[in-house]
Amino acid sequence: MFKFDKAQFAFIIFVFVQLAAQAQVQLSPKAKISIFTIAPGRADDPLFTQFGHSAFRVADPINRIDWIYDYGVFDFNAPNFYVKFARGKLKYMVAKRNYDRFEAAYRYYDRTLTEQILNLDSIQKQQVFDYLETNNLPENKYYLYDFFYDNCATRLPGVIKDALGTSVQFDTSATEEQESFRDLIEPWLTRHRWGDLGIDLALGLPTDKIASRYQYMFLPHFVKKEFDKATITKNGNTKPLVSETIIPYEATPDNGKGPLIGPGIIFSLFLFFVIAITYWDFKRKSRLRLLDFILFLAAGLVGLLIIFLWFFTDHSATANNLNIIWALPTHLIVTFFIFSSKKKTWVVNYFLFTSIVVLILLLSWYFLPQPLHYSMFPFALALCIRAFYYWFFYNKIT
């Protein structure tokens, strides 16, 4: 007769538990699979909440299952978290969590929840569920996040297409509106004008590519909209993919409008200040060196950030950024000579070159293939004025 000590017995129990956990769950006929859309955050919520969120729900009362599969999760404790995030190398993952806690969290933050129950038969439900479970395994759950092409929203139609194949049809046609990715994110940033500026400064020409209707689904709002229009074929019959839409929680009205003072006002006031100081400098035959130092230092730092995002990260949308025309990183070099009282010909010529380049940019501002943020127009004009005055000062006044 075999005898087991406590350690061996505990190990056997552990093995059986693990095997049971890995055993495939067969969904009951009462199971349902649905798409959850979480509305954007409120006006005073952080910027990242303004685009909303998407997730899967699998509910089966017979098997006591009510799980959310969330593809928008990352680990704050990952080694070199901020470096990886900045360089586009941070891995996101799918996380399975209890639905009640999921709903309670968004009720707490007062964000509307919309559930679209999918019109699937038992076989199709099992296929989607098995796909989600396989995707949730440690070796499969991680992926490299891309804001436009691979995020918590794009993963949902991707899962459905992978699990169900050609039986599901989404609208992949071109759009009449001919909107770019940049156009599509603009409406969600109206209450975060400073965040809108930061995003516009970081994103380059790839953001201005015209998106197809299927590509619209990088935003949760369009996941909900396109799933409503999608169809599924079962036994030769084509039916709507969504059988029912319910709202488990509706948020209270949000009348917030964001900050009263946006970047447009700030930089316009700054431009008037620069014009006034330049006129004062001209009358006194002087040059406020501190103003030039701050102006060109700021522009150079923005240029350095653009170069970093363009060449040293994996972010596909930050390449070919035309903001580099006014935000040259070389501005950082000339800041070292701004306080010098000695005339250096190459520095003077550099400022003349800068004024000409920025002037051409300003004249073509609204005709560029990449729309530059409106609030940077007065800043670039201020840069042009001070660059020209630097040249003028050393050639006409001194």
Protein backbone atom coordinates (compact mmCIF):
# COMPACT_ATOMS: atom_id res chain seq x y z
CA MET A 1 0.00 0.00 0.00
CA PHE A 2 1.34 3.41 -1.01
CA LYS A 3 1.82 6.05 1.63
CA PHE A 4 2.01 9.78 0.91
CA ASP A 5 3.40 12.41 3.18
CA LYS A 6 1.77 15.83 3.34
CA ALA A 7 4.10 17.38 0.76
CA GLN A 8 3.40 14.64 -1.82
CA PHE A 9 -0.32 14.83 -1.20
CA ALA A 10 -0.29 18.62 -1.63
CA PHE A 11 1.67 18.25 -4.89
CA ILE A 12 -0.87 15.74 -6.28
CA ILE A 13 -3.74 18.05 -5.38
CA PHE A 14 -1.92 20.93 -7.06
CA VAL A 15 -1.44 18.90 -10.27
CA PHE A 16 -5.11 17.94 -10.36
CA VAL A 17 -6.17 21.55 -9.83
CA GLN A 18 -3.92 22.73 -12.66
CA LEU A 19 -5.23 20.04 -15.00
CA ALA A 20 -8.78 20.93 -14.11
CA ALA A 21 -8.09 24.61 -14.75
CA GLN A 22 -6.63 23.83 -18.17
CA ALA A 23 -9.52 21.59 -19.17
CA GLN A 24 -11.68 23.10 -21.88
CA VAL A 25 -14.97 24.53 -20.63
CA GLN A 26 -17.94 23.63 -22.77
CA LEU A 27 -20.33 26.55 -22.84
CA SER A 28 -23.99 25.84 -22.19
CA PRO A 29 -26.84 26.83 -24.55
CA LYS A 30 -27.56 29.78 -22.24
CA ALA A 31 -24.14 31.31 -22.72
CA LYS A 32 -23.79 34.69 -24.38
CA ILE A 33 -20.85 36.57 -25.81
CA SER A 34 -20.98 40.33 -26.11
CA ILE A 35 -19.00 43.42 -26.94
CA PHE A 36 -18.67 46.06 -24.24
CA THR A 37 -18.07 49.70 -25.08
CA ILE A 38 -17.10 52.10 -22.31
CA ALA A 39 -17.83 55.74 -23.07
CA PRO A 40 -15.03 58.33 -22.93
CA GLY A 41 -14.08 59.77 -19.57
CA ARG A 42 -15.51 62.98 -18.22
CA ALA A 43 -14.03 66.41 -18.89
CA ASP A 44 -11.83 66.36 -15.79
CA ASP A 45 -10.66 62.77 -16.30
CA PRO A 46 -7.13 61.98 -17.61
CA LEU A 47 -6.38 62.32 -21.31
CA PHE A 48 -6.07 58.58 -21.95
CA THR A 49 -9.71 58.03 -20.91
CA GLN A 50 -11.07 60.37 -23.58
CA PHE A 51 -11.08 57.75 -26.33
CA GLY A 52 -13.23 55.23 -24.45
CA HIS A 53 -12.54 51.53 -24.05
CA SER A 54 -13.67 48.14 -25.42
CA ALA A 55 -13.79 44.59 -24.08
CA PHE A 56 -15.38 41.16 -24.52
CA ARG A 57 -17.83 39.63 -22.07
CA VAL A 58 -18.51 35.89 -21.80
CA ALA A 59 -21.45 35.02 -19.53
CA ASP A 60 -22.74 31.51 -18.87
CA PRO A 61 -25.00 31.06 -15.81
CA ILE A 62 -24.86 27.25 -16.02
CA ASN A 63 -21.06 27.17 -15.81
CA ARG A 64 -21.02 30.14 -13.41
CA ILE A 65 -18.93 32.16 -15.83
CA ASP A 66 -19.13 35.92 -16.14
CA TRP A 67 -15.79 37.15 -17.39
CA ILE A 68 -14.43 40.21 -19.12
CA TYR A 69 -11.53 39.88 -21.57
CA ASP A 70 -9.74 43.23 -21.62
CA TYR A 71 -6.97 43.85 -24.18
CA GLY A 72 -6.02 47.26 -22.78
CA VAL A 73 -3.92 46.19 -19.78
CA PHE A 74 -0.23 46.79 -19.15
CA ASP A 75 2.09 46.25 -16.21
CA PHE A 76 3.24 49.44 -14.44
CA ASN A 77 5.88 47.36 -12.66
CA ALA A 78 7.51 46.14 -15.87
CA PRO A 79 11.30 46.78 -15.93
CA ASN A 80 12.14 50.14 -17.56
CA PHE A 81 8.44 50.89 -17.88
CA TYR A 82 8.71 54.55 -18.92
CA VAL A 83 11.55 53.96 -21.36
CA LYS A 84 9.65 51.12 -23.05
CA PHE A 85 6.45 53.16 -23.13
CA ALA A 86 8.20 56.14 -24.74
CA ARG A 87 9.93 53.96 -27.34
CA GLY A 88 6.80 52.00 -28.24
CA LYS A 89 8.20 48.75 -26.91
CA LEU A 90 5.85 48.29 -23.96
CA LYS A 91 3.87 45.08 -24.18
CA TYR A 92 0.14 45.21 -23.52
CA MET A 93 -1.85 42.10 -22.66
CA VAL A 94 -5.28 40.59 -22.43
CA ALA A 95 -6.58 40.26 -18.86
CA LYS A 96 -9.49 38.08 -17.73
CA ARG A 97 -11.44 39.54 -14.82
CA ASN A 98 -14.76 39.19 -13.06
CA TYR A 99 -17.56 41.16 -14.73
CA ASP A 100 -19.07 42.50 -11.50
CA ARG A 101 -15.82 44.21 -10.52
CA PHE A 102 -15.42 45.54 -14.06
CA GLU A 103 -18.89 47.10 -14.07
CA ALA A 104 -18.50 48.46 -10.54
CA ALA A 105 -15.30 50.26 -11.53
CA TYR A 106 -16.90 52.11 -14.44
CA ARG A 107 -20.00 52.90 -12.40
CA TYR A 108 -17.67 54.48 -9.88
CA TYR A 109 -16.05 56.61 -12.60
CA ASP A 110 -19.53 57.38 -13.99
CA ARG A 111 -18.96 56.20 -17.55
CA THR A 112 -21.72 54.79 -19.72
CA LEU A 113 -21.54 51.06 -20.49
CA THR A 114 -23.04 49.63 -23.68
CA GLU A 115 -23.34 45.89 -24.26
CA GLN A 116 -23.91 44.39 -27.71
CA ILE A 117 -24.90 40.73 -27.51
CA LEU A 118 -23.59 38.82 -30.50
CA ASN A 119 -25.91 36.74 -32.64
CA LEU A 120 -23.93 33.47 -32.45
CA ASP A 121 -24.98 29.85 -32.39
CA SER A 122 -23.52 27.38 -29.89
CA ILE A 123 -20.63 26.36 -32.12
CA GLN A 124 -19.68 29.96 -32.87
CA LYS A 125 -19.84 30.93 -29.20
CA GLN A 126 -17.54 28.06 -28.34
CA GLN A 127 -15.11 29.08 -31.10
CA VAL A 128 -14.89 32.66 -29.82
CA PHE A 129 -14.61 31.51 -26.19
CA ASP A 130 -11.86 28.98 -27.00
CA TYR A 131 -9.98 31.68 -28.94
CA LEU A 132 -10.17 34.08 -25.99
CA GLU A 133 -9.05 31.41 -23.55
CA THR A 134 -6.12 30.43 -25.76
CA ASN A 135 -5.22 34.10 -26.20
CA ASN A 136 -5.22 34.47 -22.42
CA LEU A 137 -2.50 31.85 -21.92
CA PRO A 138 0.80 33.28 -20.64
CA GLU A 139 2.59 32.54 -23.90
CA ASN A 140 -0.09 34.28 -26.01
CA LYS A 141 -1.47 37.16 -23.98
CA TYR A 142 1.14 39.83 -24.70
CA TYR A 143 1.30 42.07 -27.77
CA LEU A 144 3.04 45.27 -28.87
CA TYR A 145 0.55 48.11 -28.65
CA ASP A 146 -0.03 50.44 -31.61
CA PHE A 147 -2.52 53.27 -31.08
CA PHE A 148 -3.95 53.10 -34.62
CA TYR A 149 -3.46 49.50 -35.71
CA ASP A 150 -3.29 47.23 -32.65
CA ASN A 151 -5.01 48.34 -29.46
CA CYS A 152 -7.82 47.34 -27.08
CA ALA A 153 -10.42 48.28 -29.72
CA THR A 154 -8.87 46.83 -32.90
CA ARG A 155 -8.37 43.51 -31.11
CA LEU A 156 -12.15 42.94 -30.89
CA PRO A 157 -12.97 42.72 -34.62
CA GLY A 158 -9.65 40.91 -35.04
CA VAL A 159 -10.66 38.19 -32.57
CA ILE A 160 -14.06 37.76 -34.21
CA LYS A 161 -12.54 37.47 -37.69
CA ASP A 162 -9.85 35.04 -36.51
CA ALA A 163 -12.30 32.86 -34.57
CA LEU A 164 -15.19 32.85 -37.05
CA GLY A 165 -13.47 33.44 -40.38
CA THR A 166 -15.42 34.61 -43.42
CA SER A 167 -18.81 33.95 -41.79
CA VAL A 168 -18.52 37.48 -40.35
CA GLN A 169 -18.49 40.47 -42.65
CA PHE A 170 -17.48 43.99 -41.63
CA ASP A 171 -17.74 47.02 -43.87
CA THR A 172 -14.27 47.47 -45.38
CA SER A 173 -15.23 50.09 -47.97
CA ALA A 174 -13.73 53.54 -48.35
CA THR A 175 -15.59 56.33 -46.64
CA GLU A 176 -17.34 59.28 -48.22
CA GLU A 177 -15.97 61.56 -45.51
CA GLN A 178 -12.36 60.69 -46.44
CA GLU A 179 -11.22 61.26 -42.86
CA SER A 180 -7.67 60.64 -41.73
CA PHE A 181 -6.64 59.07 -38.44
CA ARG A 182 -5.86 62.57 -37.18
CA ASP A 183 -9.36 63.75 -38.17
CA LEU A 184 -10.90 60.85 -36.29
CA ILE A 185 -9.20 61.55 -32.97
CA GLU A 186 -9.78 65.33 -33.01
CA PRO A 187 -13.41 65.27 -31.77
CA TRP A 188 -12.41 63.28 -28.70
CA LEU A 189 -9.87 65.90 -27.64
CA THR A 190 -12.01 69.04 -27.70
CA ARG A 191 -12.10 69.11 -23.88
CA HIS A 192 -8.37 68.42 -23.57
CA ARG A 193 -6.91 71.21 -25.69
CA TRP A 194 -3.43 70.96 -24.21
CA GLY A 195 -3.46 67.20 -24.72
CA ASP A 196 -4.62 67.80 -28.29
CA LEU A 197 -1.61 70.07 -28.83
CA GLY A 198 0.80 67.50 -27.39
CA ILE A 199 -0.60 64.73 -29.60
CA ASP A 200 -0.47 66.92 -32.70
CA LEU A 201 3.15 67.83 -32.01
CA ALA A 202 4.09 64.16 -31.65
CA LEU A 203 2.25 62.68 -34.63
CA GLY A 204 3.62 62.88 -38.17
CA LEU A 205 2.40 62.33 -41.71
CA PRO A 206 1.33 58.65 -41.25
CA THR A 207 -1.49 59.98 -39.04
CA ASP A 208 -2.89 61.82 -42.05
CA LYS A 209 -3.51 58.66 -44.04
CA ILE A 210 -7.19 58.26 -45.00
CA ALA A 211 -8.76 55.45 -42.95
CA SER A 212 -11.16 52.81 -44.25
CA ARG A 213 -14.34 52.04 -42.32
CA TYR A 214 -12.72 48.93 -40.89
CA GLN A 215 -9.72 50.98 -39.73
CA TYR A 216 -12.11 53.35 -37.94
CA MET A 217 -12.33 50.64 -35.31
CA PHE A 218 -9.17 51.78 -33.58
CA LEU A 219 -11.64 53.88 -31.58
CA PRO A 220 -14.19 52.12 -29.31
CA HIS A 221 -17.03 54.35 -30.54
CA PHE A 222 -16.57 52.96 -34.05
CA VAL A 223 -16.24 49.38 -32.78
CA LYS A 224 -19.77 49.72 -31.46
CA LYS A 225 -20.96 51.40 -34.65
CA GLU A 226 -19.35 48.94 -37.08
CA PHE A 227 -20.46 45.87 -35.08
CA ASP A 228 -24.01 47.18 -35.42
CA LYS A 229 -23.60 47.13 -39.21
CA ALA A 230 -21.71 43.81 -39.43
CA THR A 231 -23.37 40.57 -40.53
CA ILE A 232 -22.88 36.87 -39.83
CA THR A 233 -23.77 33.89 -41.97
CA LYS A 234 -25.23 30.80 -40.30
CA ASN A 235 -26.49 27.81 -42.27
CA GLY A 236 -26.57 29.88 -45.45
CA ASN A 237 -28.57 32.68 -43.81
CA THR A 238 -27.08 36.13 -43.31
CA LYS A 239 -28.17 38.01 -40.19
CA PRO A 240 -27.01 41.02 -38.18
CA LEU A 241 -24.00 40.21 -36.00
CA VAL A 242 -25.55 42.03 -33.03
CA SER A 243 -28.81 40.56 -31.78
CA GLU A 244 -29.48 42.95 -28.91
CA THR A 245 -28.03 46.12 -27.40
CA ILE A 246 -28.49 47.01 -23.75
CA ILE A 247 -27.08 49.73 -21.49
CA PRO A 248 -26.15 48.29 -18.07
CA TYR A 249 -25.21 51.75 -16.82
CA GLU A 250 -25.80 55.26 -18.15
CA ALA A 251 -23.65 58.09 -16.85
CA THR A 252 -25.00 61.35 -15.52
CA PRO A 253 -24.78 64.29 -17.96
CA ASP A 254 -21.31 65.80 -18.18
CA ASN A 255 -21.34 69.51 -18.95
CA GLY A 256 -17.62 69.99 -18.45
CA LYS A 257 -15.82 71.93 -21.17
CA GLY A 258 -12.22 71.51 -20.12
CA PRO A 259 -9.83 74.36 -19.25
CA LEU A 260 -11.01 77.92 -19.96
CA ILE A 261 -7.62 78.97 -21.29
CA GLY A 262 -6.25 76.83 -24.09
CA PRO A 263 -2.94 76.94 -25.99
CA GLY A 264 -4.38 79.18 -28.71
CA ILE A 265 -4.96 82.04 -26.26
CA ILE A 266 -1.66 81.54 -24.44
CA PHE A 267 0.49 81.54 -27.57
CA SER A 268 -1.44 84.45 -29.11
CA LEU A 269 -0.74 86.53 -25.99
CA PHE A 270 2.87 85.39 -26.15
CA LEU A 271 3.07 86.60 -29.77
CA PHE A 272 1.79 90.07 -28.80
CA PHE A 273 4.39 90.13 -26.02
CA VAL A 274 7.16 89.24 -28.48
CA ILE A 275 6.02 91.94 -30.92
CA ALA A 276 5.96 94.53 -28.11
CA ILE A 277 9.42 93.52 -26.84
CA THR A 278 10.86 93.53 -30.38
CA TYR A 279 9.50 97.03 -31.01
CA TRP A 280 10.97 98.15 -27.66
CA ASP A 281 14.31 96.56 -28.60
CA PHE A 282 14.26 98.33 -31.96
CA LYS A 283 13.56 101.73 -30.40
CA ARG A 284 16.30 101.25 -27.79
CA LYS A 285 18.71 99.58 -30.25
CA SER A 286 19.03 96.63 -27.88
CA ARG A 287 18.22 92.92 -27.79
CA LEU A 288 16.49 91.03 -24.97
CA ARG A 289 18.74 87.99 -24.92
CA LEU A 290 16.70 86.11 -22.32
CA LEU A 291 13.62 86.14 -24.54
CA ASP A 292 15.57 84.70 -27.49
CA PHE A 293 17.16 82.09 -25.24
CA ILE A 294 13.80 80.88 -23.88
CA LEU A 295 12.13 80.92 -27.31
CA PHE A 296 14.81 78.98 -29.17
CA LEU A 297 15.46 76.64 -26.24
CA ALA A 298 11.77 75.67 -26.20
CA ALA A 299 11.67 75.17 -29.98
CA GLY A 300 14.89 73.13 -29.90
CA LEU A 301 13.62 70.86 -27.12
CA VAL A 302 10.43 70.19 -29.10
CA GLY A 303 12.59 69.37 -32.11
CA LEU A 304 14.70 66.99 -30.03
CA LEU A 305 11.54 65.20 -28.91
CA ILE A 306 10.32 64.97 -32.52
CA ILE A 307 13.64 63.45 -33.62
CA PHE A 308 13.50 60.94 -30.76
CA LEU A 309 9.94 59.86 -31.61
CA TRP A 310 10.74 59.76 -35.33
CA PHE A 311 14.00 57.81 -35.38
CA PHE A 312 14.43 56.11 -32.01
CA THR A 313 11.03 54.58 -31.28
CA ASP A 314 8.76 51.97 -32.83
CA HIS A 315 5.77 54.32 -32.99
CA SER A 316 4.67 54.15 -36.63
CA ALA A 317 2.63 57.36 -36.44
CA THR A 318 5.44 59.67 -35.27
CA ALA A 319 7.58 59.54 -38.42
CA ASN A 320 7.90 62.29 -41.06
CA ASN A 321 6.73 65.03 -38.70
CA LEU A 322 6.58 68.42 -40.44
CA ASN A 323 6.71 70.27 -37.13
CA ILE A 324 10.47 69.74 -37.45
CA ILE A 325 10.52 72.67 -39.93
CA TRP A 326 10.02 75.24 -37.17
CA ALA A 327 11.27 73.10 -34.27
CA LEU A 328 14.80 72.41 -35.49
CA PRO A 329 16.91 70.64 -32.84
CA THR A 330 19.84 72.78 -33.99
CA HIS A 331 18.16 75.70 -32.20
CA LEU A 332 19.63 74.17 -29.05
CA ILE A 333 23.14 74.77 -30.37
CA VAL A 334 22.67 78.48 -31.10
CA THR A 335 21.21 79.10 -27.64
CA PHE A 336 24.79 78.80 -26.35
CA PHE A 337 25.72 81.91 -28.37
CA ILE A 338 22.68 84.07 -27.67
CA PHE A 339 24.20 85.71 -24.58
CA SER A 340 27.49 86.39 -26.33
CA SER A 341 28.15 90.04 -27.13
CA LYS A 342 30.56 89.11 -29.93
CA LYS A 343 29.15 88.82 -33.42
CA LYS A 344 29.58 85.38 -34.97
CA THR A 345 28.79 85.42 -38.68
CA TRP A 346 27.56 81.83 -38.88
CA VAL A 347 25.17 82.37 -35.95
CA VAL A 348 23.78 85.55 -37.55
CA ASN A 349 23.32 83.72 -40.86
CA TYR A 350 21.68 80.82 -39.03
CA PHE A 351 19.02 83.15 -37.64
CA LEU A 352 18.43 84.67 -41.08
CA PHE A 353 18.04 81.18 -42.54
CA THR A 354 15.62 80.28 -39.74
CA SER A 355 13.50 83.38 -40.33
CA ILE A 356 13.23 82.62 -44.07
CA VAL A 357 12.37 78.95 -43.56
CA VAL A 358 9.75 79.68 -40.90
CA LEU A 359 8.25 82.49 -43.02
CA ILE A 360 7.81 80.07 -45.93
CA LEU A 361 6.24 77.60 -43.52
CA LEU A 362 3.80 80.23 -42.22
CA LEU A 363 2.76 81.19 -45.77
CA SER A 364 2.07 77.55 -46.62
CA TRP A 365 0.65 76.60 -43.18
CA TYR A 366 -2.86 75.72 -44.38
CA PHE A 367 -1.70 73.93 -47.53
CA LEU A 368 0.63 71.37 -45.97
CA PRO A 369 -0.11 67.61 -46.23
CA GLN A 370 0.17 67.47 -42.43
CA PRO A 371 -2.16 69.86 -40.57
CA LEU A 372 -0.07 71.65 -37.95
CA HIS A 373 -1.77 72.67 -34.73
CA TYR A 374 -3.37 76.13 -34.95
CA SER A 375 -1.85 77.27 -31.66
CA MET A 376 1.68 76.81 -33.02
CA PHE A 377 1.11 79.42 -35.74
CA PRO A 378 1.61 82.39 -33.36
CA PHE A 379 4.55 80.60 -31.70
CA ALA A 380 6.22 80.00 -35.08
CA LEU A 381 5.54 83.63 -36.06
CA ALA A 382 7.20 84.78 -32.83
CA LEU A 383 10.17 82.56 -33.68
CA CYS A 384 10.36 84.10 -37.16
CA ILE A 385 10.23 87.67 -35.79
CA ARG A 386 12.97 87.14 -33.22
CA ALA A 387 15.19 85.22 -35.66
CA PHE A 388 14.95 88.02 -38.22
CA TYR A 389 15.51 90.68 -35.56
CA TYR A 390 18.69 88.90 -34.44
CA TRP A 391 20.05 89.16 -38.00
CA PHE A 392 18.78 92.73 -38.35
CA PHE A 393 20.33 93.78 -35.05
CA TYR A 394 23.86 92.65 -36.00
CA ASN A 395 23.68 93.89 -39.60
CA LYS A 396 21.71 97.14 -39.36
CA ILE A 397 21.94 98.37 -35.78
CA THR A 398 25.36 97.40 -34.38
